[in-house]
């Protein structure tokens, strides 16, 4: 426990003085009682003598003053409050196949609509970043709690070229570093193996940051997405993968061209498994919206240093009231 105003703890010096004053008054009361013993019988004195009970109300008052003195110093302690903090990176596949219209109006627009609903339902303490990836990865919006900025970043997304899942993961990790104000140890170019690798965290330890990776195709660009997933796992960052389409694949007609797209579910499942996340599949716009609404990133609840002055003040008042009620009930007076 720490104190915002520790100098106020000196007020506790008054407690021993009050105790000494009380003892002096008790001795004086005994001397006065001794002077009247000759005027009363021993049975009358025994009936009127409250014994040790007379000391209970003053003791309660002294404890109340001591607790109040500690409260004046404004104590603080570390408590785990229901206050969720964390970072969510929405990593969008913006390859050309995302322009397909099997999800209305298009896969890209359906993904953006579902993501916007997800953003609007997050608490203000959760920072959200946006990453776009095709054959390379790009941070479109660093993690922020500015909802308007996040929605504008999502609206700017548009289909482009190939698919590199690793680029999306690496760019997302770099965005997490940028949002935390830390220099990134991860390159966002196509280097297969980063030159710097973070020290792996103990297995089962998760950072207050997650990546939601949405894609509709199979990986056809370097580097290896499983190696990138392992980097995320080493940092305690979970990856939730969302696949659009089917493993059987389908022919899509885009701008006069016929493109065969096939979802590599096995790859997405491995990515999630390595990092401690979950894989979801969306066959329709409704499925995609439901997945986003039901995503539970399990963000870490962080303990916070909280002022507990009110607890000490309440305890002090309660003891004072109990002492006053006991004194009135037993002796028809306040101590």
Protein backbone atom coordinates (compact mmCIF):
# COMPACT_ATOMS: atom_id res chain seq x y z
CA UNK A 1 0.00 0.00 0.00
CA UNK A 2 1.19 3.49 -0.86
CA UNK A 3 -0.02 6.94 0.17
CA UNK A 4 -0.62 10.08 -1.88
CA UNK A 5 -0.26 12.34 1.19
CA UNK A 6 2.05 10.35 3.51
CA UNK A 7 2.70 13.43 5.65
CA UNK A 8 -0.85 13.08 7.01
CA UNK A 9 0.21 9.87 8.76
CA UNK A 10 1.77 12.10 11.39
CA UNK A 11 -1.77 12.76 12.60
CA UNK A 12 -1.66 9.26 14.14
CA UNK A 13 0.64 10.72 16.81
CA UNK A 14 -2.52 12.19 18.36
CA UNK A 15 -3.91 8.72 19.09
CA UNK A 16 -1.43 7.94 21.93
CA UNK A 17 -2.15 11.40 23.36
CA UNK A 18 -5.89 10.70 23.35
CA UNK A 19 -5.26 7.33 25.02
CA UNK A 20 -3.12 8.99 27.71
CA UNK A 21 -5.82 11.61 28.29
CA UNK A 22 -8.44 8.89 28.63
CA UNK A 23 -6.34 7.00 31.18
CA UNK A 24 -5.87 10.20 33.20
CA UNK A 25 -9.63 10.79 33.20
CA UNK A 26 -10.22 7.21 34.31
CA UNK A 27 -7.86 7.63 37.29
CA UNK A 28 -9.63 10.84 38.21
CA UNK A 29 -12.99 9.07 38.00
CA UNK A 30 -11.73 6.34 40.32
CA UNK A 31 -10.58 8.88 42.91
CA UNK A 32 -13.94 10.61 42.81
CA UNK A 33 -15.72 7.25 43.13
CA UNK A 34 -13.53 6.35 46.12
CA UNK A 35 -14.62 9.54 47.91
CA UNK A 36 -18.25 8.48 47.66
CA UNK A 37 -17.79 4.87 48.66
CA UNK A 38 -18.47 5.70 52.31
CA UNK A 39 -21.89 7.10 51.31
CA UNK A 40 -23.03 3.98 49.45
CA UNK A 41 -23.30 0.33 50.27
CA UNK A 42 -21.08 -2.18 48.48
CA UNK A 43 -24.14 -3.69 46.73
CA UNK A 44 -25.13 -0.29 45.28
CA UNK A 45 -21.59 0.26 44.02
CA UNK A 46 -21.54 -3.18 42.34
CA UNK A 47 -24.84 -2.46 40.56
CA UNK A 48 -23.63 0.87 39.22
CA UNK A 49 -20.14 -0.31 38.21
CA UNK A 50 -20.17 -1.19 34.45
CA UNK A 51 -16.80 -2.95 34.71
CA UNK A 52 -14.85 -3.43 31.49
CA UNK A 53 -17.86 -2.48 29.38
CA UNK A 54 -17.15 1.20 30.01
CA UNK A 55 -13.97 0.90 27.92
CA UNK A 56 -15.57 -0.60 24.78
CA UNK A 57 -17.07 2.63 23.32
CA UNK A 58 -13.84 4.64 23.82
CA UNK A 59 -11.83 1.83 22.23
CA UNK A 60 -14.14 1.91 19.20
CA UNK A 61 -13.74 5.68 18.97
CA UNK A 62 -9.95 5.41 19.15
CA UNK A 63 -9.92 2.79 16.38
CA UNK A 64 -12.20 5.04 14.34
CA UNK A 65 -9.81 7.98 14.69
CA UNK A 66 -6.80 5.79 13.80
CA UNK A 67 -8.49 4.54 10.61
CA UNK A 68 -9.52 8.08 9.76
CA UNK A 69 -5.90 9.22 10.17
CA UNK A 70 -4.75 6.60 7.68
CA UNK A 71 -7.54 7.66 5.32
CA UNK A 72 -6.35 11.27 5.44
CA UNK A 73 -3.08 10.11 3.87
CA UNK A 74 -5.12 8.95 0.81
CA UNK A 75 -3.99 5.29 0.66
CA UNK A 76 -3.62 3.53 -2.68
CA UNK A 77 -3.45 -0.18 -3.42
CA UNK A 78 -3.24 -2.39 -6.48
CA UNK A 79 -6.60 -3.98 -7.23
CA UNK A 80 -7.93 -5.91 -10.21
CA UNK A 81 -10.84 -3.87 -11.46
CA UNK A 82 -13.27 -4.94 -14.22
CA UNK A 83 -11.41 -2.63 -16.57
CA UNK A 84 -10.41 -4.24 -19.86
CA UNK A 85 -7.48 -2.86 -21.76
CA UNK A 86 -5.90 -4.25 -24.88
CA UNK A 87 -5.10 -3.90 -28.54
CA UNK A 88 -6.97 -5.53 -31.42
CA UNK A 89 -5.49 -5.51 -34.92
CA UNK A 90 -7.98 -6.04 -37.75
CA UNK A 91 -5.85 -7.52 -40.53
CA UNK A 92 -7.74 -7.52 -43.87
CA UNK A 93 -6.84 -9.57 -46.93
CA UNK A 94 -7.17 -7.06 -49.78
CA UNK A 95 -6.24 -9.44 -52.59
CA UNK A 96 -8.13 -9.19 -55.87
CA UNK A 97 -10.50 -12.04 -55.02
CA UNK A 98 -12.01 -9.93 -52.23
CA UNK A 99 -13.91 -8.11 -55.00
CA UNK A 100 -16.02 -11.24 -55.61
CA UNK A 101 -19.76 -10.83 -55.06
CA UNK A 102 -20.68 -14.22 -53.55
CA UNK A 103 -21.00 -12.26 -50.29
CA UNK A 104 -23.20 -9.25 -51.02
CA UNK A 105 -22.40 -6.68 -52.16
CA UNK A 106 -18.81 -7.99 -52.30
CA UNK A 107 -16.55 -9.95 -49.98
CA UNK A 108 -14.63 -6.77 -49.23
CA UNK A 109 -17.71 -4.71 -48.41
CA UNK A 110 -19.23 -7.50 -46.31
CA UNK A 111 -15.99 -7.81 -44.35
CA UNK A 112 -15.86 -4.05 -43.80
CA UNK A 113 -19.48 -3.91 -42.62
CA UNK A 114 -18.93 -6.72 -40.11
CA UNK A 115 -15.70 -5.13 -38.88
CA UNK A 116 -17.39 -1.75 -38.41
CA UNK A 117 -20.06 -3.39 -36.24
CA UNK A 118 -17.30 -5.07 -34.22
CA UNK A 119 -15.52 -1.74 -33.68
CA UNK A 120 -18.68 0.01 -32.55
CA UNK A 121 -19.33 -2.62 -29.86
CA UNK A 122 -15.87 -2.48 -28.27
CA UNK A 123 -15.27 -0.62 -24.98
CA UNK A 124 -13.35 2.65 -25.22
CA UNK A 125 -10.43 1.11 -23.31
CA UNK A 126 -9.67 -1.23 -26.24
CA UNK A 127 -7.43 0.25 -28.92
CA UNK A 128 -7.99 -0.98 -32.46
CA UNK A 129 -5.60 -0.88 -35.41
CA UNK A 130 -6.18 -1.71 -39.07
CA UNK A 131 -3.76 -3.58 -41.35
CA UNK A 132 -4.19 -4.36 -45.04
CA UNK A 133 -2.24 -7.14 -46.75
CA UNK A 134 -2.05 -8.66 -50.21
CA UNK A 135 1.43 -9.51 -51.51
CA UNK A 136 2.79 -7.20 -48.79
CA UNK A 137 1.50 -5.75 -45.54
CA UNK A 138 0.66 -2.16 -44.63
CA UNK A 139 -0.52 -0.56 -41.40
CA UNK A 140 -3.50 1.58 -42.41
CA UNK A 141 -4.26 2.78 -38.87
CA UNK A 142 -2.07 2.44 -35.79
CA UNK A 143 -3.97 1.22 -32.69
CA UNK A 144 -6.18 3.98 -31.31
CA UNK A 145 -9.37 4.46 -29.31
CA UNK A 146 -10.64 7.03 -31.84
CA UNK A 147 -13.63 5.19 -33.32
CA UNK A 148 -14.06 7.63 -36.22
CA UNK A 149 -10.43 7.21 -37.29
CA UNK A 150 -10.77 3.41 -37.19
CA UNK A 151 -13.95 3.40 -39.26
CA UNK A 152 -12.41 5.77 -41.83
CA UNK A 153 -9.39 3.45 -42.14
CA UNK A 154 -11.66 0.45 -42.74
CA UNK A 155 -13.63 2.35 -45.39
CA UNK A 156 -10.42 3.13 -47.31
CA UNK A 157 -9.68 -0.56 -47.91
CA UNK A 158 -9.96 -1.86 -51.48
CA UNK A 159 -9.00 -5.13 -53.27
CA UNK A 160 -5.51 -5.25 -54.81
CA UNK A 161 -3.16 -8.14 -55.71
CA UNK A 162 -1.96 -11.51 -54.27
CA UNK A 163 -2.13 -13.03 -50.80
CA UNK A 164 0.69 -13.14 -48.24
CA UNK A 165 -0.62 -14.20 -44.83
CA UNK A 166 2.81 -13.75 -43.26
CA UNK A 167 2.92 -10.13 -44.43
CA UNK A 168 -0.41 -9.53 -42.69
CA UNK A 169 0.83 -11.07 -39.45
CA UNK A 170 4.18 -9.25 -39.53
CA UNK A 171 2.55 -5.90 -40.32
CA UNK A 172 0.09 -6.49 -37.46
CA UNK A 173 2.91 -7.15 -34.99
CA UNK A 174 4.65 -3.97 -36.16
CA UNK A 175 1.38 -2.05 -35.65
CA UNK A 176 1.12 -3.40 -32.08
CA UNK A 177 4.64 -2.09 -31.39
CA UNK A 178 3.79 1.27 -32.93
CA UNK A 179 0.63 1.56 -30.84
CA UNK A 180 2.63 0.86 -27.68
CA UNK A 181 5.24 3.47 -28.63
CA UNK A 182 7.96 0.84 -28.91
CA UNK A 183 10.49 0.37 -31.71
CA UNK A 184 9.46 -2.62 -33.77
CA UNK A 185 11.71 -5.66 -33.84
CA UNK A 186 9.78 -7.00 -36.83
CA UNK A 187 10.34 -5.97 -40.45
CA UNK A 188 7.26 -5.44 -42.62
CA UNK A 189 8.98 -6.24 -45.94
CA UNK A 190 9.23 -9.69 -47.49
CA UNK A 191 12.33 -10.83 -45.60
CA UNK A 192 11.54 -14.48 -44.75
CA UNK A 193 13.18 -14.38 -41.30
CA UNK A 194 13.35 -11.20 -39.18
CA UNK A 195 16.87 -10.32 -38.05
CA UNK A 196 15.63 -9.72 -34.48
CA UNK A 197 13.40 -12.18 -32.65
CA UNK A 198 11.74 -11.30 -29.32
CA UNK A 199 12.55 -13.45 -26.31
CA UNK A 200 9.75 -16.06 -26.17
CA UNK A 201 7.32 -15.62 -23.29
CA UNK A 202 6.43 -18.65 -21.15
CA UNK A 203 3.94 -20.97 -22.85
CA UNK A 204 0.35 -19.99 -22.05
CA UNK A 205 1.26 -16.36 -21.36
CA UNK A 206 -0.70 -13.89 -23.48
CA UNK A 207 -0.15 -10.21 -24.08
CA UNK A 208 -3.11 -7.78 -24.00
CA UNK A 209 -3.12 -7.74 -27.82
CA UNK A 210 -4.73 -9.94 -30.45
CA UNK A 211 -4.81 -10.11 -34.24
CA UNK A 212 -8.00 -10.87 -36.19
CA UNK A 213 -6.78 -12.09 -39.59
CA UNK A 214 -9.43 -12.20 -42.33
CA UNK A 215 -8.69 -13.83 -45.70
CA UNK A 216 -10.51 -15.53 -48.58
CA UNK A 217 -7.65 -17.30 -50.37
CA UNK A 218 -4.62 -19.47 -49.98
CA UNK A 219 -1.16 -18.14 -49.28
CA UNK A 220 0.80 -17.65 -52.52
CA UNK A 221 3.57 -15.29 -51.40
CA UNK A 222 6.61 -15.53 -49.16
CA UNK A 223 7.52 -15.59 -46.30
CA UNK A 224 6.19 -18.66 -44.49
CA UNK A 225 3.00 -17.76 -42.55
CA UNK A 226 3.65 -20.47 -39.95
CA UNK A 227 7.01 -18.90 -39.11
CA UNK A 228 5.26 -15.55 -38.72
CA UNK A 229 2.62 -17.18 -36.50
CA UNK A 230 5.40 -18.60 -34.31
CA UNK A 231 6.85 -15.09 -33.92
CA UNK A 232 3.42 -13.91 -32.72
CA UNK A 233 3.20 -16.89 -30.34
CA UNK A 234 6.65 -16.08 -28.95
CA UNK A 235 5.36 -12.63 -28.05
CA UNK A 236 2.14 -13.96 -26.53
CA UNK A 237 -0.01 -12.43 -29.29
CA UNK A 238 -2.96 -14.62 -30.28
CA UNK A 239 -4.22 -14.74 -33.86
CA UNK A 240 -7.91 -15.34 -34.60
CA UNK A 241 -8.25 -16.36 -38.25
CA UNK A 242 -11.47 -15.83 -40.21
CA UNK A 243 -11.78 -17.62 -43.55
CA UNK A 244 -14.22 -16.59 -46.29
CA UNK A 245 -15.22 -19.27 -48.79
CA UNK A 246 -14.64 -23.02 -48.87
CA UNK A 247 -11.72 -25.41 -49.07
CA UNK A 248 -13.17 -26.88 -52.28
CA UNK A 249 -12.68 -23.55 -54.02
CA UNK A 250 -14.82 -21.73 -56.57
CA UNK A 251 -14.50 -19.78 -59.80
CA UNK A 252 -15.06 -16.05 -59.39
CA UNK A 253 -15.75 -13.64 -62.21
CA UNK A 254 -14.01 -10.35 -61.48
CA UNK A 255 -13.79 -7.48 -64.00
CA UNK A 256 -14.27 -9.82 -66.96
CA UNK A 257 -11.74 -12.40 -65.73
CA UNK A 258 -12.36 -15.83 -64.24
CA UNK A 259 -10.34 -16.46 -61.07
CA UNK A 260 -10.24 -19.72 -59.16
CA UNK A 261 -9.97 -19.06 -55.43
CA UNK A 262 -9.52 -21.71 -52.77
CA UNK A 263 -9.48 -21.27 -49.00
CA UNK A 264 -6.57 -22.97 -47.26
CA UNK A 265 -8.39 -23.85 -44.04
CA UNK A 266 -5.58 -26.11 -42.85
CA UNK A 267 -3.12 -23.20 -42.94
CA UNK A 268 -5.47 -20.87 -41.08
CA UNK A 269 -6.17 -23.52 -38.45
CA UNK A 270 -2.45 -24.04 -37.89
CA UNK A 271 -1.85 -20.30 -37.57
CA UNK A 272 -4.52 -20.03 -34.87
CA UNK A 273 -3.37 -23.17 -33.10
CA UNK A 274 0.27 -22.05 -32.96
CA UNK A 275 -0.64 -18.66 -31.49
CA UNK A 276 -3.40 -19.82 -29.10
CA UNK A 277 -6.26 -18.32 -31.11
CA UNK A 278 -9.30 -19.79 -32.89
CA UNK A 279 -10.24 -20.41 -36.52
CA UNK A 280 -13.67 -19.38 -37.88
CA UNK A 281 -15.23 -19.97 -41.30
CA UNK A 282 -17.73 -17.62 -42.93
CA UNK A 283 -19.83 -18.98 -45.81
CA UNK A 284 -22.13 -15.96 -45.99
CA UNK A 285 -22.45 -12.34 -44.96
CA UNK A 286 -24.60 -13.38 -41.98
CA UNK A 287 -21.93 -15.87 -40.86
CA UNK A 288 -19.27 -13.18 -41.06
CA UNK A 289 -21.31 -10.72 -38.97
CA UNK A 290 -22.08 -13.44 -36.41
CA UNK A 291 -18.39 -14.37 -36.13
CA UNK A 292 -17.37 -10.77 -35.48
CA UNK A 293 -20.13 -10.30 -32.92
CA UNK A 294 -19.15 -13.48 -31.07
CA UNK A 295 -15.39 -12.95 -31.13
CA UNK A 296 -14.03 -13.05 -27.62
CA UNK A 297 -10.38 -11.98 -27.77
CA UNK A 298 -10.02 -12.67 -24.01
CA UNK A 299 -8.09 -9.47 -23.47
CA UNK A 300 -6.09 -9.26 -20.27
CA UNK A 301 -7.65 -7.45 -17.31
CA UNK A 302 -4.81 -5.40 -15.89
CA UNK A 303 -4.54 -4.51 -12.19
CA UNK A 304 -4.57 -0.80 -11.40
CA UNK A 305 -3.38 1.33 -8.51
CA UNK A 306 -6.60 2.69 -7.01
CA UNK A 307 -7.20 5.15 -4.19
CA UNK A 308 -9.09 3.47 -1.33
CA UNK A 309 -9.64 6.53 0.89
CA UNK A 310 -13.41 6.01 0.78
CA UNK A 311 -13.06 2.53 2.28
CA UNK A 312 -11.08 3.87 5.25
CA UNK A 313 -13.49 6.78 5.70
CA UNK A 314 -16.47 4.44 5.63
CA UNK A 315 -14.89 2.06 8.15
CA UNK A 316 -14.07 4.99 10.43
CA UNK A 317 -17.63 6.32 10.35
CA UNK A 318 -19.06 2.85 10.93
CA UNK A 319 -16.92 2.25 14.04
CA UNK A 320 -17.80 5.70 15.36
CA UNK A 321 -21.53 5.01 14.94
CA UNK A 322 -21.23 1.61 16.63
CA UNK A 323 -19.33 3.16 19.52
CA UNK A 324 -21.94 5.90 19.91
CA UNK A 325 -24.88 3.43 19.80
CA UNK A 326 -23.25 1.10 22.34
CA UNK A 327 -22.57 4.01 24.69
CA UNK A 328 -26.15 5.30 24.42
CA UNK A 329 -27.66 1.83 24.95
CA UNK A 330 -25.49 0.94 27.94
CA UNK A 331 -24.89 4.28 29.61
CA UNK A 332 -27.46 6.67 28.01
CA UNK A 333 -24.64 9.00 27.03
CA UNK A 334 -21.80 9.39 24.56
CA UNK A 335 -18.29 8.46 25.75
